Amino acid sequence: MDLLVSAFEAGTEADYVLSLASPMLKQPGFENAYIDLVVKSQLDMPLYEQTGLLRMGDVLMPQQYELLVERLKASDVEVLVRDDYLFDGSLDFAVREFQRLYGLMTMVLSGQTLSNG
């Protein structure tokens, strides 16, 4: 508390407050990452909902497929878009990449991917 009082007495309160800021703020790219997160938090993005497991080779309903691809792309996960709405290796890789980026644990049991998050 003495440092705060001293800072006010010396007229250096702004410097004192800045000295308390997280060193993360000085990391290259922090400001851009923060702005990106703020912008994305303001988007009105519909929720992706799914019942059951998807397996490679499954064909999704067009609206479900398009929403899944849109959500992956909004998270900067690249995915090859197909016209036949097939859950293929590219989409499987994209979903796993999304899970990795957001700390979602995946388990693979007999060719099926289970999320445990």
N, C-alpha and C. Protein backbone atom coordinates (compact mmCIF):
# COMPACT_ATOMS: atom_id res chain seq x y z
N MET A 1 0.82 -1.18 0.00
CA MET A 1 0.00 0.00 0.00
C MET A 1 0.87 1.25 0.00
N ASP A 2 2.04 1.14 0.62
CA ASP A 2 2.95 2.29 0.65
C ASP A 2 3.37 2.71 -0.75
N LEU A 3 3.54 1.74 -1.65
CA LEU A 3 3.94 2.06 -3.02
C LEU A 3 2.85 2.84 -3.73
N LEU A 4 1.60 2.47 -3.49
CA LEU A 4 0.48 3.17 -4.11
C LEU A 4 0.41 4.62 -3.60
N VAL A 5 0.52 4.79 -2.32
CA VAL A 5 0.50 6.14 -1.73
C VAL A 5 1.66 6.96 -2.27
N SER A 6 2.84 6.33 -2.32
CA SER A 6 4.02 7.04 -2.84
C SER A 6 3.82 7.45 -4.29
N ALA A 7 3.19 6.57 -5.08
CA ALA A 7 2.95 6.88 -6.49
C ALA A 7 2.02 8.08 -6.62
N PHE A 8 0.98 8.14 -5.80
CA PHE A 8 0.07 9.28 -5.85
C PHE A 8 0.75 10.56 -5.38
N GLU A 9 1.55 10.44 -4.35
CA GLU A 9 2.26 11.62 -3.86
C GLU A 9 3.25 12.16 -4.89
N ALA A 10 3.84 11.25 -5.68
CA ALA A 10 4.83 11.67 -6.68
C ALA A 10 4.18 11.99 -8.03
N GLY A 11 2.86 11.76 -8.14
CA GLY A 11 2.18 12.02 -9.41
C GLY A 11 2.47 10.98 -10.47
N THR A 12 2.89 9.78 -10.06
CA THR A 12 3.23 8.71 -11.01
C THR A 12 2.26 7.53 -10.90
N GLU A 13 1.01 7.84 -10.54
CA GLU A 13 0.04 6.76 -10.35
C GLU A 13 -0.22 5.97 -11.64
N ALA A 14 -0.17 6.64 -12.78
CA ALA A 14 -0.39 5.93 -14.05
C ALA A 14 0.72 4.91 -14.29
N ASP A 15 1.95 5.28 -14.02
CA ASP A 15 3.08 4.35 -14.17
C ASP A 15 2.93 3.18 -13.20
N TYR A 16 2.49 3.49 -11.98
CA TYR A 16 2.31 2.43 -10.98
C TYR A 16 1.25 1.42 -11.44
N VAL A 17 0.13 1.93 -11.93
CA VAL A 17 -0.95 1.04 -12.39
C VAL A 17 -0.47 0.22 -13.58
N LEU A 18 0.25 0.82 -14.51
CA LEU A 18 0.78 0.08 -15.66
C LEU A 18 1.77 -1.00 -15.23
N SER A 19 2.48 -0.75 -14.14
CA SER A 19 3.44 -1.77 -13.67
C SER A 19 2.74 -3.01 -13.14
N LEU A 20 1.45 -2.91 -12.83
CA LEU A 20 0.68 -4.04 -12.33
C LEU A 20 0.08 -4.89 -13.45
N ALA A 21 0.14 -4.39 -14.68
CA ALA A 21 -0.46 -5.09 -15.82
C ALA A 21 0.27 -6.41 -16.09
N SER A 22 -0.47 -7.35 -16.59
CA SER A 22 0.08 -8.66 -16.92
C SER A 22 1.15 -8.53 -18.00
N PRO A 23 2.26 -9.28 -17.86
CA PRO A 23 3.28 -9.26 -18.92
C PRO A 23 2.74 -9.81 -20.24
N MET A 24 1.63 -10.54 -20.18
CA MET A 24 1.02 -11.09 -21.40
C MET A 24 0.63 -9.97 -22.36
N LEU A 25 0.26 -8.82 -21.80
CA LEU A 25 -0.15 -7.69 -22.64
C LEU A 25 0.97 -7.22 -23.56
N LYS A 26 2.22 -7.51 -23.18
CA LYS A 26 3.36 -7.07 -23.97
C LYS A 26 3.79 -8.10 -25.01
N GLN A 27 3.15 -9.27 -25.02
CA GLN A 27 3.50 -10.33 -25.96
C GLN A 27 3.09 -9.92 -27.38
N PRO A 28 3.95 -10.21 -28.37
CA PRO A 28 3.58 -9.90 -29.76
C PRO A 28 2.31 -10.65 -30.16
N GLY A 29 1.40 -9.94 -30.77
CA GLY A 29 0.17 -10.56 -31.26
C GLY A 29 -0.95 -10.60 -30.24
N PHE A 30 -0.68 -10.23 -28.99
CA PHE A 30 -1.72 -10.30 -27.96
C PHE A 30 -2.91 -9.42 -28.32
N GLU A 31 -2.62 -8.20 -28.75
CA GLU A 31 -3.70 -7.25 -29.05
C GLU A 31 -4.59 -7.78 -30.18
N ASN A 32 -3.97 -8.33 -31.23
CA ASN A 32 -4.76 -8.87 -32.34
C ASN A 32 -5.59 -10.08 -31.89
N ALA A 33 -5.01 -10.94 -31.07
CA ALA A 33 -5.75 -12.10 -30.57
C ALA A 33 -6.92 -11.65 -29.70
N TYR A 34 -6.69 -10.66 -28.88
CA TYR A 34 -7.75 -10.15 -28.01
C TYR A 34 -8.89 -9.55 -28.84
N ILE A 35 -8.54 -8.74 -29.82
CA ILE A 35 -9.55 -8.12 -30.68
C ILE A 35 -10.34 -9.19 -31.42
N ASP A 36 -9.65 -10.22 -31.91
CA ASP A 36 -10.31 -11.32 -32.61
C ASP A 36 -11.32 -12.02 -31.69
N LEU A 37 -10.93 -12.26 -30.44
CA LEU A 37 -11.84 -12.90 -29.49
C LEU A 37 -13.04 -12.02 -29.18
N VAL A 38 -12.82 -10.73 -29.03
CA VAL A 38 -13.93 -9.81 -28.75
C VAL A 38 -14.91 -9.81 -29.92
N VAL A 39 -14.39 -9.73 -31.14
CA VAL A 39 -15.24 -9.72 -32.32
C VAL A 39 -16.04 -11.03 -32.40
N LYS A 40 -15.37 -12.15 -32.22
CA LYS A 40 -16.07 -13.45 -32.29
C LYS A 40 -17.10 -13.61 -31.19
N SER A 41 -16.86 -13.01 -30.04
CA SER A 41 -17.82 -13.13 -28.94
C SER A 41 -19.10 -12.35 -29.24
N GLN A 42 -19.04 -11.40 -30.17
CA GLN A 42 -20.20 -10.59 -30.51
C GLN A 42 -21.03 -11.20 -31.65
N LEU A 43 -20.49 -12.23 -32.32
CA LEU A 43 -21.21 -12.84 -33.44
C LEU A 43 -22.42 -13.62 -32.94
N ASP A 44 -23.48 -13.55 -33.70
CA ASP A 44 -24.67 -14.33 -33.38
C ASP A 44 -24.58 -15.64 -34.16
N MET A 45 -23.88 -16.61 -33.58
CA MET A 45 -23.62 -17.87 -34.24
C MET A 45 -24.57 -18.93 -33.69
N PRO A 46 -25.36 -19.56 -34.57
CA PRO A 46 -26.25 -20.62 -34.07
C PRO A 46 -25.44 -21.80 -33.52
N LEU A 47 -25.99 -22.44 -32.51
CA LEU A 47 -25.32 -23.59 -31.91
C LEU A 47 -25.37 -24.79 -32.83
N TYR A 48 -24.28 -25.54 -32.83
CA TYR A 48 -24.26 -26.81 -33.55
C TYR A 48 -24.67 -27.89 -32.57
N GLU A 49 -25.74 -28.60 -32.87
CA GLU A 49 -26.20 -29.67 -32.01
C GLU A 49 -26.18 -30.98 -32.79
N GLN A 50 -25.83 -32.04 -32.08
CA GLN A 50 -25.72 -33.35 -32.73
C GLN A 50 -26.21 -34.41 -31.76
N THR A 51 -26.92 -35.39 -32.30
CA THR A 51 -27.37 -36.52 -31.50
C THR A 51 -26.59 -37.74 -31.95
N GLY A 52 -25.97 -38.42 -31.01
CA GLY A 52 -25.21 -39.62 -31.35
C GLY A 52 -23.85 -39.29 -31.91
N LEU A 53 -23.16 -40.33 -32.33
CA LEU A 53 -21.81 -40.20 -32.88
C LEU A 53 -21.86 -40.10 -34.40
N LEU A 54 -20.90 -39.38 -34.94
CA LEU A 54 -20.71 -39.36 -36.38
C LEU A 54 -19.50 -40.21 -36.69
N ARG A 55 -19.60 -41.00 -37.73
CA ARG A 55 -18.49 -41.84 -38.16
C ARG A 55 -18.14 -41.48 -39.59
N MET A 56 -16.88 -41.69 -39.94
CA MET A 56 -16.50 -41.47 -41.33
C MET A 56 -17.38 -42.35 -42.21
N GLY A 57 -17.87 -41.75 -43.27
CA GLY A 57 -18.76 -42.45 -44.18
C GLY A 57 -20.22 -42.08 -43.96
N ASP A 58 -20.55 -41.49 -42.81
CA ASP A 58 -21.92 -41.04 -42.57
C ASP A 58 -22.22 -39.84 -43.46
N VAL A 59 -23.47 -39.73 -43.86
CA VAL A 59 -23.93 -38.58 -44.64
C VAL A 59 -24.79 -37.74 -43.71
N LEU A 60 -24.42 -36.47 -43.57
CA LEU A 60 -25.15 -35.56 -42.69
C LEU A 60 -26.28 -34.89 -43.45
N MET A 61 -27.25 -34.41 -42.70
CA MET A 61 -28.30 -33.60 -43.31
C MET A 61 -27.64 -32.32 -43.81
N PRO A 62 -28.08 -31.77 -44.95
CA PRO A 62 -27.42 -30.58 -45.51
C PRO A 62 -27.26 -29.43 -44.52
N GLN A 63 -28.32 -29.09 -43.77
CA GLN A 63 -28.24 -27.97 -42.83
C GLN A 63 -27.24 -28.28 -41.71
N GLN A 64 -27.22 -29.51 -41.21
CA GLN A 64 -26.29 -29.91 -40.15
C GLN A 64 -24.85 -29.83 -40.66
N TYR A 65 -24.61 -30.31 -41.87
CA TYR A 65 -23.27 -30.28 -42.46
C TYR A 65 -22.78 -28.85 -42.64
N GLU A 66 -23.65 -28.00 -43.22
CA GLU A 66 -23.26 -26.62 -43.48
C GLU A 66 -22.99 -25.86 -42.18
N LEU A 67 -23.78 -26.11 -41.15
CA LEU A 67 -23.56 -25.46 -39.86
C LEU A 67 -22.26 -25.92 -39.22
N LEU A 68 -21.97 -27.22 -39.29
CA LEU A 68 -20.72 -27.75 -38.75
C LEU A 68 -19.52 -27.13 -39.44
N VAL A 69 -19.55 -27.07 -40.76
CA VAL A 69 -18.46 -26.48 -41.53
C VAL A 69 -18.31 -24.99 -41.19
N GLU A 70 -19.43 -24.29 -41.06
CA GLU A 70 -19.40 -22.86 -40.72
C GLU A 70 -18.76 -22.65 -39.35
N ARG A 71 -19.12 -23.48 -38.38
CA ARG A 71 -18.55 -23.35 -37.03
C ARG A 71 -17.06 -23.64 -37.03
N LEU A 72 -16.63 -24.64 -37.78
CA LEU A 72 -15.21 -24.96 -37.86
C LEU A 72 -14.44 -23.80 -38.49
N LYS A 73 -14.97 -23.26 -39.57
CA LYS A 73 -14.31 -22.14 -40.24
C LYS A 73 -14.26 -20.90 -39.34
N ALA A 74 -15.30 -20.66 -38.54
CA ALA A 74 -15.31 -19.52 -37.63
C ALA A 74 -14.22 -19.66 -36.57
N SER A 75 -13.78 -20.88 -36.33
CA SER A 75 -12.70 -21.14 -35.37
C SER A 75 -11.35 -21.26 -36.07
N ASP A 76 -11.30 -20.83 -37.32
CA ASP A 76 -10.07 -20.87 -38.12
C ASP A 76 -9.55 -22.28 -38.34
N VAL A 77 -10.48 -23.23 -38.44
CA VAL A 77 -10.12 -24.61 -38.76
C VAL A 77 -10.51 -24.84 -40.22
N GLU A 78 -9.52 -25.18 -41.03
CA GLU A 78 -9.76 -25.40 -42.46
C GLU A 78 -10.43 -26.75 -42.68
N VAL A 79 -11.38 -26.76 -43.58
CA VAL A 79 -12.06 -28.01 -43.92
C VAL A 79 -12.44 -27.98 -45.40
N LEU A 80 -12.26 -29.10 -46.05
CA LEU A 80 -12.63 -29.24 -47.46
C LEU A 80 -14.13 -29.49 -47.53
N VAL A 81 -14.86 -28.60 -48.19
CA VAL A 81 -16.32 -28.69 -48.26
C VAL A 81 -16.71 -29.62 -49.41
N ARG A 82 -17.61 -30.52 -49.09
CA ARG A 82 -18.09 -31.48 -50.09
C ARG A 82 -19.54 -31.15 -50.46
N ASP A 83 -19.92 -31.53 -51.68
CA ASP A 83 -21.30 -31.32 -52.12
C ASP A 83 -22.23 -32.43 -51.67
N ASP A 84 -21.66 -33.57 -51.24
CA ASP A 84 -22.50 -34.71 -50.88
C ASP A 84 -22.71 -34.85 -49.37
N TYR A 85 -22.20 -33.88 -48.57
CA TYR A 85 -22.40 -33.83 -47.11
C TYR A 85 -21.85 -35.05 -46.38
N LEU A 86 -20.82 -35.64 -46.95
CA LEU A 86 -20.20 -36.84 -46.39
C LEU A 86 -19.23 -36.48 -45.27
N PHE A 87 -19.31 -37.21 -44.18
CA PHE A 87 -18.34 -37.07 -43.09
C PHE A 87 -17.12 -37.89 -43.49
N ASP A 88 -16.16 -37.22 -44.10
CA ASP A 88 -14.99 -37.90 -44.64
C ASP A 88 -13.76 -37.62 -43.78
N GLY A 89 -12.61 -38.06 -44.25
CA GLY A 89 -11.36 -37.88 -43.51
C GLY A 89 -11.02 -36.43 -43.26
N SER A 90 -11.32 -35.56 -44.22
CA SER A 90 -11.03 -34.13 -44.08
C SER A 90 -11.87 -33.53 -42.94
N LEU A 91 -13.12 -33.86 -42.90
CA LEU A 91 -14.00 -33.33 -41.86
C LEU A 91 -13.63 -33.92 -40.49
N ASP A 92 -13.29 -35.20 -40.48
CA ASP A 92 -12.85 -35.85 -39.24
C ASP A 92 -11.60 -35.16 -38.69
N PHE A 93 -10.64 -34.87 -39.58
CA PHE A 93 -9.42 -34.18 -39.17
C PHE A 93 -9.74 -32.78 -38.63
N ALA A 94 -10.65 -32.08 -39.31
CA ALA A 94 -11.02 -30.73 -38.88
C ALA A 94 -11.68 -30.75 -37.50
N VAL A 95 -12.54 -31.71 -37.26
CA VAL A 95 -13.20 -31.82 -35.95
C VAL A 95 -12.17 -32.12 -34.87
N ARG A 96 -11.23 -33.02 -35.16
CA ARG A 96 -10.18 -33.33 -34.19
C ARG A 96 -9.28 -32.10 -33.92
N GLU A 97 -9.01 -31.33 -34.97
CA GLU A 97 -8.21 -30.11 -34.81
C GLU A 97 -8.96 -29.10 -33.92
N PHE A 98 -10.26 -28.96 -34.14
CA PHE A 98 -11.08 -28.09 -33.30
C PHE A 98 -11.02 -28.55 -31.84
N GLN A 99 -11.15 -29.84 -31.62
CA GLN A 99 -11.10 -30.39 -30.27
C GLN A 99 -9.74 -30.13 -29.63
N ARG A 100 -8.67 -30.26 -30.41
CA ARG A 100 -7.33 -30.01 -29.89
C ARG A 100 -7.15 -28.53 -29.52
N LEU A 101 -7.61 -27.64 -30.41
CA LEU A 101 -7.47 -26.20 -30.18
C LEU A 101 -8.17 -25.75 -28.90
N TYR A 102 -9.32 -26.36 -28.61
CA TYR A 102 -10.12 -25.92 -27.48
C TYR A 102 -10.00 -26.84 -26.27
N GLY A 103 -9.00 -27.70 -26.28
CA GLY A 103 -8.72 -28.53 -25.11
C GLY A 103 -9.74 -29.60 -24.85
N LEU A 104 -10.44 -30.03 -25.87
CA LEU A 104 -11.41 -31.10 -25.71
C LEU A 104 -10.71 -32.43 -25.94
N MET A 105 -10.83 -33.32 -24.99
CA MET A 105 -10.15 -34.61 -25.09
C MET A 105 -10.96 -35.54 -25.98
N THR A 106 -10.28 -36.28 -26.83
CA THR A 106 -10.96 -37.25 -27.67
C THR A 106 -10.45 -38.64 -27.36
N MET A 107 -11.32 -39.61 -27.51
CA MET A 107 -10.95 -41.01 -27.35
C MET A 107 -11.41 -41.74 -28.61
N VAL A 108 -10.61 -42.66 -29.06
CA VAL A 108 -10.99 -43.44 -30.23
C VAL A 108 -11.18 -44.88 -29.78
N LEU A 109 -12.38 -45.40 -29.99
CA LEU A 109 -12.70 -46.78 -29.65
C LEU A 109 -13.27 -47.45 -30.88
N SER A 110 -12.66 -48.50 -31.34
CA SER A 110 -13.08 -49.25 -32.52
C SER A 110 -13.56 -48.36 -33.66
N GLY A 111 -12.72 -47.38 -34.00
CA GLY A 111 -13.02 -46.53 -35.14
C GLY A 111 -14.00 -45.42 -34.86
N GLN A 112 -14.50 -45.30 -33.62
CA GLN A 112 -15.44 -44.25 -33.29
C GLN A 112 -14.73 -43.20 -32.45
N THR A 113 -15.03 -41.94 -32.70
CA THR A 113 -14.44 -40.85 -31.91
C THR A 113 -15.45 -40.40 -30.87
N LEU A 114 -15.04 -40.40 -29.62
CA LEU A 114 -15.89 -39.94 -28.54
C LEU A 114 -15.28 -38.69 -27.93
N SER A 115 -16.08 -37.68 -27.72
CA SER A 115 -15.59 -36.47 -27.04
C SER A 115 -15.82 -36.63 -25.57
N ASN A 116 -14.83 -36.20 -24.81
CA ASN A 116 -14.94 -36.24 -23.36
C ASN A 116 -14.52 -34.89 -22.85
N GLY A 117 -15.41 -33.93 -22.85
CA GLY A 117 -15.04 -32.58 -22.50
C GLY A 117 -15.86 -31.95 -21.52
